[in-house]
Amino acid sequence: MKFFRLLKTDLYRAVAHADFWASALLFGALCFTAEGCVDAGRSITVLELALSYPAEQIKSRFLLSGYHLFLAGIGPYNLMFAPILAALPSIPGFCLERRNGYLRLLLPRCGVTRRCLSLWLSALLSGGLVVTVGYGLYGLCCWILFPGLTAETAQWLSAPVWSGVLAQLAGAFFFGMVAALLPVLLAGVSKNAYFILCVSFALFYTYCNFLDTLSNRLFDCGELEKSFQVMMFYPASVFQCFSGHQPWRLALWIGGAMAVLGLLRLCMSRRLDKGV
């Protein structure tokens, strides 16, 4: 019961904070920077389509429907800033808890293991909710701003529209949890929220860029299978898993999340000041 009360408090503190809604709105706004289509060799963002392209031209193209643009809403800027936005509702509060000495009073009551588990779970859940809410708001805007699917185009879809939307939102939730893993791990070694968020941003960007470079080199060398295997470790690949493409890959990320929990517990328990 102590753990569930602690988890409830951590979740309420994260979700009820203004940072949660600011992060969700910012993530939804970044979705408009994703590539909506390519026109004359130039990449056109979703925002440009909404502001500059006439409605008659958009209605005549299936790839510019609200449903398709919703599926294409995760762009490079979403990937870059995902660790910061996913961790903003929870990690600064935990760092403040350590700096003001409140954690020193809390640990004798709940224990190091419960505190680490509550931080880990609340950070992952709030990170997933940030991305899901922001992406859902972006989808609502796509539904309002862009035309829907016609009866002719809808019959070519492999799954119903509602199924595709739910799968994409589930992928967004899991992606938010994945993005919060690195800040949670760094919270065990530092109490400076700015350091944690900035280093998470840099390491996450470096990791994604490394996978892109490696995958492209393998693709250019004709190693198509190895190139696709490398992209299995790309954070955005969780969207494909929820669409039915090798869902077993989620087990890799679940294993990584459990490893982060173990390392967080190890970092907190080995501190002489009990993590304060």
C-alpha atoms as a PDB file:
ATOM      1  CA  MET A   1       0.000   0.000   0.000  1.00  0.00           C
ATOM      2  CA  LYS A   2       2.869   2.378   0.706  1.00  0.00           C
ATOM      3  CA  PHE A   3       4.149   1.904  -2.837  1.00  0.00           C
ATOM      4  CA  PHE A   4       0.780   2.623  -4.455  1.00  0.00           C
ATOM      5  CA  ARG A   5       0.293   5.758  -2.371  1.00  0.00           C
ATOM      6  CA  LEU A   6       3.778   6.897  -3.343  1.00  0.00           C
ATOM      7  CA  LEU A   7       3.132   6.124  -7.029  1.00  0.00           C
ATOM      8  CA  LYS A   8      -0.210   7.936  -6.916  1.00  0.00           C
ATOM      9  CA  THR A   9       1.484  11.003  -5.441  1.00  0.00           C
ATOM     10  CA  ASP A  10       4.261  10.976  -8.030  1.00  0.00           C
ATOM     11  CA  LEU A  11       1.819  10.591 -10.927  1.00  0.00           C
ATOM     12  CA  TYR A  12      -0.451  13.341  -9.634  1.00  0.00           C
ATOM     13  CA  ARG A  13       2.523  15.661  -9.124  1.00  0.00           C
ATOM     14  CA  ALA A  14       3.667  15.018 -12.703  1.00  0.00           C
ATOM     15  CA  VAL A  15       0.350  15.106 -14.569  1.00  0.00           C
ATOM     16  CA  ALA A  16      -1.235  17.972 -12.622  1.00  0.00           C
ATOM     17  CA  HIS A  17       1.803  20.206 -13.146  1.00  0.00           C
ATOM     18  CA  ALA A  18       1.781  22.886 -15.830  1.00  0.00           C
ATOM     19  CA  ASP A  19       4.943  21.389 -17.322  1.00  0.00           C
ATOM     20  CA  PHE A  20       2.955  18.317 -18.369  1.00  0.00           C
ATOM     21  CA  TRP A  21       0.502  20.282 -20.480  1.00  0.00           C
ATOM     22  CA  ALA A  22       3.184  22.580 -21.841  1.00  0.00           C
ATOM     23  CA  SER A  23       5.227  19.544 -22.923  1.00  0.00           C
ATOM     24  CA  ALA A  24       2.193  17.890 -24.522  1.00  0.00           C
ATOM     25  CA  LEU A  25       1.286  21.034 -26.457  1.00  0.00           C
ATOM     26  CA  LEU A  26       4.866  21.489 -27.605  1.00  0.00           C
ATOM     27  CA  PHE A  27       5.090  17.873 -28.771  1.00  0.00           C
ATOM     28  CA  GLY A  28       1.860  18.316 -30.708  1.00  0.00           C
ATOM     29  CA  ALA A  29       3.186  21.522 -32.266  1.00  0.00           C
ATOM     30  CA  LEU A  30       6.388  19.759 -33.338  1.00  0.00           C
ATOM     31  CA  CYS A  31       4.279  17.205 -35.214  1.00  0.00           C
ATOM     32  CA  PHE A  32       3.438  19.945 -37.717  1.00  0.00           C
ATOM     33  CA  THR A  33       7.126  20.119 -38.681  1.00  0.00           C
ATOM     34  CA  ALA A  34       6.998  16.545 -40.018  1.00  0.00           C
ATOM     35  CA  GLU A  35       7.163  15.946 -43.750  1.00  0.00           C
ATOM     36  CA  GLY A  36       3.695  15.902 -45.254  1.00  0.00           C
ATOM     37  CA  CYS A  37       4.660  15.351 -48.883  1.00  0.00           C
ATOM     38  CA  VAL A  38       7.350  16.021 -51.470  1.00  0.00           C
ATOM     39  CA  ASP A  39       6.563  18.555 -54.199  1.00  0.00           C
ATOM     40  CA  ALA A  40       9.030  19.149 -57.048  1.00  0.00           C
ATOM     41  CA  GLY A  41      11.823  17.588 -55.031  1.00  0.00           C
ATOM     42  CA  ARG A  42      11.151  19.835 -52.024  1.00  0.00           C
ATOM     43  CA  SER A  43       9.952  18.550 -48.666  1.00  0.00           C
ATOM     44  CA  ILE A  44       6.673  20.152 -47.595  1.00  0.00           C
ATOM     45  CA  THR A  45       5.831  20.142 -43.898  1.00  0.00           C
ATOM     46  CA  VAL A  46       2.345  19.561 -42.523  1.00  0.00           C
ATOM     47  CA  LEU A  47       2.224  23.179 -41.370  1.00  0.00           C
ATOM     48  CA  GLU A  48       2.950  24.417 -44.892  1.00  0.00           C
ATOM     49  CA  LEU A  49       0.189  22.212 -46.260  1.00  0.00           C
ATOM     50  CA  ALA A  50      -2.271  23.651 -43.766  1.00  0.00           C
ATOM     51  CA  LEU A  51      -1.319  27.279 -44.421  1.00  0.00           C
ATOM     52  CA  SER A  52      -0.281  27.469 -48.069  1.00  0.00           C
ATOM     53  CA  TYR A  53      -1.910  24.746 -50.140  1.00  0.00           C
ATOM     54  CA  PRO A  54      -5.470  25.224 -51.461  1.00  0.00           C
ATOM     55  CA  ALA A  55      -8.119  22.822 -50.264  1.00  0.00           C
ATOM     56  CA  GLU A  56      -8.939  21.682 -53.814  1.00  0.00           C
ATOM     57  CA  GLN A  57      -5.385  20.470 -54.375  1.00  0.00           C
ATOM     58  CA  ILE A  58      -5.293  18.625 -51.065  1.00  0.00           C
ATOM     59  CA  LYS A  59      -8.627  16.875 -51.594  1.00  0.00           C
ATOM     60  CA  SER A  60      -7.454  15.306 -54.829  1.00  0.00           C
ATOM     61  CA  ARG A  61      -4.498  13.470 -53.226  1.00  0.00           C
ATOM     62  CA  PHE A  62      -4.853  10.444 -50.959  1.00  0.00           C
ATOM     63  CA  LEU A  63      -1.486  11.006 -49.235  1.00  0.00           C
ATOM     64  CA  LEU A  64      -2.688  14.423 -48.070  1.00  0.00           C
ATOM     65  CA  SER A  65      -5.713  13.120 -46.208  1.00  0.00           C
ATOM     66  CA  GLY A  66      -5.993  13.839 -42.512  1.00  0.00           C
ATOM     67  CA  TYR A  67      -5.529  10.158 -41.668  1.00  0.00           C
ATOM     68  CA  HIS A  68      -2.314   9.769 -43.640  1.00  0.00           C
ATOM     69  CA  LEU A  69      -0.850  13.020 -42.307  1.00  0.00           C
ATOM     70  CA  PHE A  70      -1.699  11.852 -38.782  1.00  0.00           C
ATOM     71  CA  LEU A  71       0.311   8.668 -39.352  1.00  0.00           C
ATOM     72  CA  ALA A  72       3.236  10.751 -40.681  1.00  0.00           C
ATOM     73  CA  GLY A  73       3.230  13.148 -37.713  1.00  0.00           C
ATOM     74  CA  ILE A  74       6.398  11.907 -35.980  1.00  0.00           C
ATOM     75  CA  GLY A  75       9.196  13.949 -37.536  1.00  0.00           C
ATOM     76  CA  PRO A  76      12.860  14.557 -36.738  1.00  0.00           C
ATOM     77  CA  TYR A  77      12.139  17.357 -34.276  1.00  0.00           C
ATOM     78  CA  ASN A  78       9.812  15.095 -32.296  1.00  0.00           C
ATOM     79  CA  LEU A  79      12.636  12.574 -32.020  1.00  0.00           C
ATOM     80  CA  MET A  80      15.203  15.205 -31.028  1.00  0.00           C
ATOM     81  CA  PHE A  81      13.194  16.780 -28.222  1.00  0.00           C
ATOM     82  CA  ALA A  82      11.327  13.669 -27.041  1.00  0.00           C
ATOM     83  CA  PRO A  83      13.653  12.986 -24.040  1.00  0.00           C
ATOM     84  CA  ILE A  84      13.247  16.525 -22.742  1.00  0.00           C
ATOM     85  CA  LEU A  85       9.479  16.694 -23.216  1.00  0.00           C
ATOM     86  CA  ALA A  86       8.869  13.202 -21.827  1.00  0.00           C
ATOM     87  CA  ALA A  87      10.963  13.824 -18.706  1.00  0.00           C
ATOM     88  CA  LEU A  88       9.966  17.430 -17.990  1.00  0.00           C
ATOM     89  CA  PRO A  89       6.881  16.611 -15.861  1.00  0.00           C
ATOM     90  CA  SER A  90       8.681  14.187 -13.513  1.00  0.00           C
ATOM     91  CA  ILE A  91      12.474  14.560 -13.404  1.00  0.00           C
ATOM     92  CA  PRO A  92      12.748  18.224 -12.236  1.00  0.00           C
ATOM     93  CA  GLY A  93      10.435  17.421  -9.334  1.00  0.00           C
ATOM     94  CA  PHE A  94      12.588  14.491  -8.269  1.00  0.00           C
ATOM     95  CA  CYS A  95      15.735  16.622  -8.510  1.00  0.00           C
ATOM     96  CA  LEU A  96      14.100  19.256  -6.322  1.00  0.00           C
ATOM     97  CA  GLU A  97      13.177  16.516  -3.858  1.00  0.00           C
ATOM     98  CA  ARG A  98      16.846  15.585  -3.596  1.00  0.00           C
ATOM     99  CA  ARG A  99      18.158  19.146  -3.358  1.00  0.00           C
ATOM    100  CA  ASN A 100      15.838  20.351  -0.603  1.00  0.00           C
ATOM    101  CA  GLY A 101      16.498  17.296   1.577  1.00  0.00           C
ATOM    102  CA  TYR A 102      12.954  15.910   1.457  1.00  0.00           C
ATOM    103  CA  LEU A 103      14.238  12.612   0.070  1.00  0.00           C
ATOM    104  CA  ARG A 104      16.295  12.069   3.224  1.00  0.00           C
ATOM    105  CA  LEU A 105      13.058  12.092   5.244  1.00  0.00           C
ATOM    106  CA  LEU A 106      11.141   9.969   2.736  1.00  0.00           C
ATOM    107  CA  LEU A 107      13.553   7.058   2.302  1.00  0.00           C
ATOM    108  CA  PRO A 108      13.323   5.730   5.889  1.00  0.00           C
ATOM    109  CA  ARG A 109       9.543   5.435   5.436  1.00  0.00           C
ATOM    110  CA  CYS A 110       9.350   3.847   1.971  1.00  0.00           C
ATOM    111  CA  GLY A 111      12.834   2.458   1.333  1.00  0.00           C
ATOM    112  CA  VAL A 112      15.211   2.952  -1.577  1.00  0.00           C
ATOM    113  CA  THR A 113      13.668   0.218  -3.720  1.00  0.00           C
ATOM    114  CA  ARG A 114      10.127   1.570  -3.507  1.00  0.00           C
ATOM    115  CA  ARG A 115      11.280   5.123  -4.162  1.00  0.00           C
ATOM    116  CA  CYS A 116      13.254   4.073  -7.240  1.00  0.00           C
ATOM    117  CA  LEU A 117      10.391   1.917  -8.537  1.00  0.00           C
ATOM    118  CA  SER A 118       7.888   4.730  -8.045  1.00  0.00           C
ATOM    119  CA  LEU A 119      10.144   7.252  -9.789  1.00  0.00           C
ATOM    120  CA  TRP A 120      10.820   4.827 -12.645  1.00  0.00           C
ATOM    121  CA  LEU A 121       7.181   3.913 -13.204  1.00  0.00           C
ATOM    122  CA  SER A 122       5.730   7.413 -12.763  1.00  0.00           C
ATOM    123  CA  ALA A 123       8.340   8.925 -15.092  1.00  0.00           C
ATOM    124  CA  LEU A 124       7.657   6.340 -17.786  1.00  0.00           C
ATOM    125  CA  LEU A 125       3.877   6.669 -17.489  1.00  0.00           C
ATOM    126  CA  SER A 126       3.901  10.469 -17.470  1.00  0.00           C
ATOM    127  CA  GLY A 127       6.333  10.477 -20.415  1.00  0.00           C
ATOM    128  CA  GLY A 128       4.025   8.187 -22.346  1.00  0.00           C
ATOM    129  CA  LEU A 129       1.033  10.366 -21.513  1.00  0.00           C
ATOM    130  CA  VAL A 130       2.838  13.527 -22.645  1.00  0.00           C
ATOM    131  CA  VAL A 131       3.529  12.071 -26.078  1.00  0.00           C
ATOM    132  CA  THR A 132       0.074  10.486 -26.387  1.00  0.00           C
ATOM    133  CA  VAL A 133      -1.793  13.668 -25.460  1.00  0.00           C
ATOM    134  CA  GLY A 134       0.355  15.833 -27.725  1.00  0.00           C
ATOM    135  CA  TYR A 135       0.081  13.426 -30.637  1.00  0.00           C
ATOM    136  CA  GLY A 136      -3.657  13.055 -30.060  1.00  0.00           C
ATOM    137  CA  LEU A 137      -4.115  16.835 -30.202  1.00  0.00           C
ATOM    138  CA  TYR A 138      -2.160  16.870 -33.447  1.00  0.00           C
ATOM    139  CA  GLY A 139      -4.444  14.155 -34.815  1.00  0.00           C
ATOM    140  CA  LEU A 140      -7.489  16.214 -33.850  1.00  0.00           C
ATOM    141  CA  CYS A 141      -6.061  19.167 -35.763  1.00  0.00           C
ATOM    142  CA  CYS A 142      -5.463  16.931 -38.804  1.00  0.00           C
ATOM    143  CA  TRP A 143      -9.072  15.774 -38.631  1.00  0.00           C
ATOM    144  CA  ILE A 144     -10.257  19.408 -38.642  1.00  0.00           C
ATOM    145  CA  LEU A 145      -7.801  20.927 -41.126  1.00  0.00           C
ATOM    146  CA  PHE A 146      -7.499  18.203 -43.769  1.00  0.00           C
ATOM    147  CA  PRO A 147     -10.054  16.156 -45.715  1.00  0.00           C
ATOM    148  CA  GLY A 148     -10.999  12.685 -44.596  1.00  0.00           C
ATOM    149  CA  LEU A 149     -10.780   9.460 -46.531  1.00  0.00           C
ATOM    150  CA  THR A 150     -13.335   8.827 -49.239  1.00  0.00           C
ATOM    151  CA  ALA A 151     -15.101   5.507 -49.627  1.00  0.00           C
ATOM    152  CA  GLU A 152     -12.881   4.650 -52.588  1.00  0.00           C
ATOM    153  CA  THR A 153      -9.601   5.330 -50.805  1.00  0.00           C
ATOM    154  CA  ALA A 154     -10.667   3.754 -47.499  1.00  0.00           C
ATOM    155  CA  GLN A 155     -11.189   0.360 -49.134  1.00  0.00           C
ATOM    156  CA  TRP A 156      -7.483   0.162 -49.947  1.00  0.00           C
ATOM    157  CA  LEU A 157      -6.477   0.277 -46.297  1.00  0.00           C
ATOM    158  CA  SER A 158      -5.364  -3.002 -44.744  1.00  0.00           C
ATOM    159  CA  ALA A 159      -7.082  -2.170 -41.428  1.00  0.00           C
ATOM    160  CA  PRO A 160      -9.985   0.062 -40.348  1.00  0.00           C
ATOM    161  CA  VAL A 161      -9.211   3.691 -39.658  1.00  0.00           C
ATOM    162  CA  TRP A 162     -10.062   3.411 -35.965  1.00  0.00           C
ATOM    163  CA  SER A 163      -7.675   0.464 -35.630  1.00  0.00           C
ATOM    164  CA  GLY A 164      -4.848   2.423 -37.244  1.00  0.00           C
ATOM    165  CA  VAL A 165      -5.472   5.423 -34.992  1.00  0.00           C
ATOM    166  CA  LEU A 166      -5.478   3.305 -31.815  1.00  0.00           C
ATOM    167  CA  ALA A 167      -2.317   1.484 -32.891  1.00  0.00           C
ATOM    168  CA  GLN A 168      -0.575   4.781 -33.568  1.00  0.00           C
ATOM    169  CA  LEU A 169      -1.599   6.232 -30.202  1.00  0.00           C
ATOM    170  CA  ALA A 170      -0.412   3.067 -28.457  1.00  0.00           C
ATOM    171  CA  GLY A 171       2.901   3.431 -30.263  1.00  0.00           C
ATOM    172  CA  ALA A 172       3.075   7.068 -29.155  1.00  0.00           C
ATOM    173  CA  PHE A 173       2.560   6.053 -25.532  1.00  0.00           C
ATOM    174  CA  PHE A 174       5.308   3.434 -25.675  1.00  0.00           C
ATOM    175  CA  PHE A 175       7.592   5.840 -27.532  1.00  0.00           C
ATOM    176  CA  GLY A 176       7.165   8.381 -24.733  1.00  0.00           C
ATOM    177  CA  MET A 177       8.125   5.735 -22.208  1.00  0.00           C
ATOM    178  CA  VAL A 178      11.238   4.849 -24.222  1.00  0.00           C
ATOM    179  CA  ALA A 179      12.214   8.520 -24.477  1.00  0.00           C
ATOM    180  CA  ALA A 180      12.020   8.912 -20.685  1.00  0.00           C
ATOM    181  CA  LEU A 181      14.406   6.027 -19.948  1.00  0.00           C
ATOM    182  CA  LEU A 182      17.651   7.962 -20.336  1.00  0.00           C
ATOM    183  CA  PRO A 183      16.611  10.919 -18.122  1.00  0.00           C
ATOM    184  CA  VAL A 184      15.456   8.475 -15.439  1.00  0.00           C
ATOM    185  CA  LEU A 185      18.837   6.764 -15.491  1.00  0.00           C
ATOM    186  CA  LEU A 186      20.705  10.067 -15.240  1.00  0.00           C
ATOM    187  CA  ALA A 187      18.477  11.112 -12.325  1.00  0.00           C
ATOM    188  CA  GLY A 188      20.296   8.513 -10.269  1.00  0.00           C
ATOM    189  CA  VAL A 189      23.684  10.209 -10.695  1.00  0.00           C
ATOM    190  CA  SER A 190      22.780  13.907 -10.703  1.00  0.00           C
ATOM    191  CA  LYS A 191      20.358  16.227  -8.947  1.00  0.00           C
ATOM    192  CA  ASN A 192      20.682  18.991 -11.575  1.00  0.00           C
ATOM    193  CA  ALA A 193      17.599  18.878 -13.804  1.00  0.00           C
ATOM    194  CA  TYR A 194      19.180  21.052 -16.508  1.00  0.00           C
ATOM    195  CA  PHE A 195      22.170  18.735 -16.732  1.00  0.00           C
ATOM    196  CA  ILE A 196      19.948  15.655 -16.950  1.00  0.00           C
ATOM    197  CA  LEU A 197      17.704  17.055 -19.678  1.00  0.00           C
ATOM    198  CA  CYS A 198      20.529  18.493 -21.775  1.00  0.00           C
ATOM    199  CA  VAL A 199      22.702  15.377 -21.566  1.00  0.00           C
ATOM    200  CA  SER A 200      19.678  13.199 -22.376  1.00  0.00           C
ATOM    201  CA  PHE A 201      19.002  15.333 -25.432  1.00  0.00           C
ATOM    202  CA  ALA A 202      22.611  15.075 -26.612  1.00  0.00           C
ATOM    203  CA  LEU A 203      22.954  11.324 -26.012  1.00  0.00           C
ATOM    204  CA  PHE A 204      19.564  10.526 -27.551  1.00  0.00           C
ATOM    205  CA  TYR A 205      20.377  12.578 -30.643  1.00  0.00           C
ATOM    206  CA  THR A 206      23.815  10.952 -30.936  1.00  0.00           C
ATOM    207  CA  TYR A 207      22.305   7.483 -30.588  1.00  0.00           C
ATOM    208  CA  CYS A 208      19.674   8.094 -33.292  1.00  0.00           C
ATOM    209  CA  ASN A 209      22.219   9.703 -35.618  1.00  0.00           C
ATOM    210  CA  PHE A 210      24.584   6.735 -35.159  1.00  0.00           C
ATOM    211  CA  LEU A 211      21.822   4.276 -36.068  1.00  0.00           C
ATOM    212  CA  ASP A 212      20.854   6.341 -39.122  1.00  0.00           C
ATOM    213  CA  THR A 213      24.441   6.468 -40.361  1.00  0.00           C
ATOM    214  CA  LEU A 214      25.072   2.774 -39.764  1.00  0.00           C
ATOM    215  CA  SER A 215      21.824   1.737 -41.401  1.00  0.00           C
ATOM    216  CA  ASN A 216      22.453   3.915 -44.462  1.00  0.00           C
ATOM    217  CA  ARG A 217      25.966   2.541 -44.906  1.00  0.00           C
ATOM    218  CA  LEU A 218      24.728  -1.027 -44.727  1.00  0.00           C
ATOM    219  CA  PHE A 219      21.968  -0.180 -47.188  1.00  0.00           C
ATOM    220  CA  ASP A 220      24.451   1.360 -49.633  1.00  0.00           C
ATOM    221  CA  CYS A 221      26.613  -1.762 -49.364  1.00  0.00           C
ATOM    222  CA  GLY A 222      23.667  -3.960 -50.302  1.00  0.00           C
ATOM    223  CA  GLU A 223      23.233  -5.414 -46.802  1.00  0.00           C
ATOM    224  CA  LEU A 224      19.484  -4.790 -46.710  1.00  0.00           C
ATOM    225  CA  GLU A 225      18.683  -7.320 -44.005  1.00  0.00           C
ATOM    226  CA  LYS A 226      21.362  -6.005 -41.659  1.00  0.00           C
ATOM    227  CA  SER A 227      20.232  -2.445 -42.364  1.00  0.00           C
ATOM    228  CA  PHE A 228      16.687  -3.277 -41.263  1.00  0.00           C
ATOM    229  CA  GLN A 229      17.988  -5.134 -38.206  1.00  0.00           C
ATOM    230  CA  VAL A 230      19.874  -2.020 -37.105  1.00  0.00           C
ATOM    231  CA  MET A 231      16.696   0.033 -37.329  1.00  0.00           C
ATOM    232  CA  MET A 232      15.053  -2.377 -34.884  1.00  0.00           C
ATOM    233  CA  PHE A 233      16.838  -0.435 -32.157  1.00  0.00           C
ATOM    234  CA  TYR A 234      15.585   2.934 -33.415  1.00  0.00           C
ATOM    235  CA  PRO A 235      13.212   4.495 -30.846  1.00  0.00           C
ATOM    236  CA  ALA A 236      10.509   5.295 -33.409  1.00  0.00           C
ATOM    237  CA  SER A 237      10.370   1.633 -34.471  1.00  0.00           C
ATOM    238  CA  VAL A 238       7.859   1.018 -31.669  1.00  0.00           C
ATOM    239  CA  PHE A 239       5.177   2.575 -33.906  1.00  0.00           C
ATOM    240  CA  GLN A 240       5.684  -0.200 -36.441  1.00  0.00           C
ATOM    241  CA  CYS A 241       5.492  -2.824 -33.704  1.00  0.00           C
ATOM    242  CA  PHE A 242       1.996  -1.710 -32.732  1.00  0.00           C
ATOM    243  CA  SER A 243       1.008  -1.801 -36.399  1.00  0.00           C
ATOM    244  CA  GLY A 244       1.738  -5.524 -36.497  1.00  0.00           C
ATOM    245  CA  HIS A 245       5.334  -5.481 -37.787  1.00  0.00           C
ATOM    246  CA  GLN A 246       7.414  -7.761 -35.550  1.00  0.00           C
ATOM    247  CA  PRO A 247       5.741  -6.834 -32.241  1.00  0.00           C
ATOM    248  CA  TRP A 248       8.202  -9.097 -30.420  1.00  0.00           C
ATOM    249  CA  ARG A 249      10.729  -6.251 -30.714  1.00  0.00           C
ATOM    250  CA  LEU A 250       8.906  -4.548 -27.854  1.00  0.00           C
ATOM    251  CA  ALA A 251      10.525  -7.111 -25.586  1.00  0.00           C
ATOM    252  CA  LEU A 252      13.904  -5.507 -26.346  1.00  0.00           C
ATOM    253  CA  TRP A 253      12.720  -2.147 -25.041  1.00  0.00           C
ATOM    254  CA  ILE A 254      11.020  -3.729 -22.029  1.00  0.00           C
ATOM    255  CA  GLY A 255      14.317  -5.422 -21.199  1.00  0.00           C
ATOM    256  CA  GLY A 256      16.096  -2.082 -21.548  1.00  0.00           C
ATOM    257  CA  ALA A 257      13.563  -0.461 -19.208  1.00  0.00           C
ATOM    258  CA  MET A 258      14.158  -3.147 -16.584  1.00  0.00           C
ATOM    259  CA  ALA A 259      17.915  -2.623 -16.923  1.00  0.00           C
ATOM    260  CA  VAL A 260      17.436   1.113 -16.312  1.00  0.00           C
ATOM    261  CA  LEU A 261      15.459   0.321 -13.155  1.00  0.00           C
ATOM    262  CA  GLY A 262      18.237  -1.922 -11.900  1.00  0.00           C
ATOM    263  CA  LEU A 263      20.928   0.676 -12.609  1.00  0.00           C
ATOM    264  CA  LEU A 264      18.861   3.402 -10.953  1.00  0.00           C
ATOM    265  CA  ARG A 265      18.452   1.241  -7.858  1.00  0.00           C
ATOM    266  CA  LEU A 266      22.186   0.525  -7.823  1.00  0.00           C
ATOM    267  CA  CYS A 267      23.121   4.207  -8.169  1.00  0.00           C
ATOM    268  CA  MET A 268      20.773   5.306  -5.402  1.00  0.00           C
ATOM    269  CA  SER A 269      21.742   2.566  -2.944  1.00  0.00           C
ATOM    270  CA  ARG A 270      25.489   3.093  -3.294  1.00  0.00           C
ATOM    271  CA  ARG A 271      25.340   6.786  -2.436  1.00  0.00           C
ATOM    272  CA  LEU A 272      26.531   7.443   1.113  1.00  0.00           C
ATOM    273  CA  ASP A 273      23.918  10.138   1.540  1.00  0.00           C
ATOM    274  CA  LYS A 274      21.117   7.794   0.410  1.00  0.00           C
ATOM    275  CA  GLY A 275      20.685   9.596  -2.888  1.00  0.00           C
ATOM    276  CA  VAL A 276      20.139  13.051  -1.433  1.00  0.00           C
END
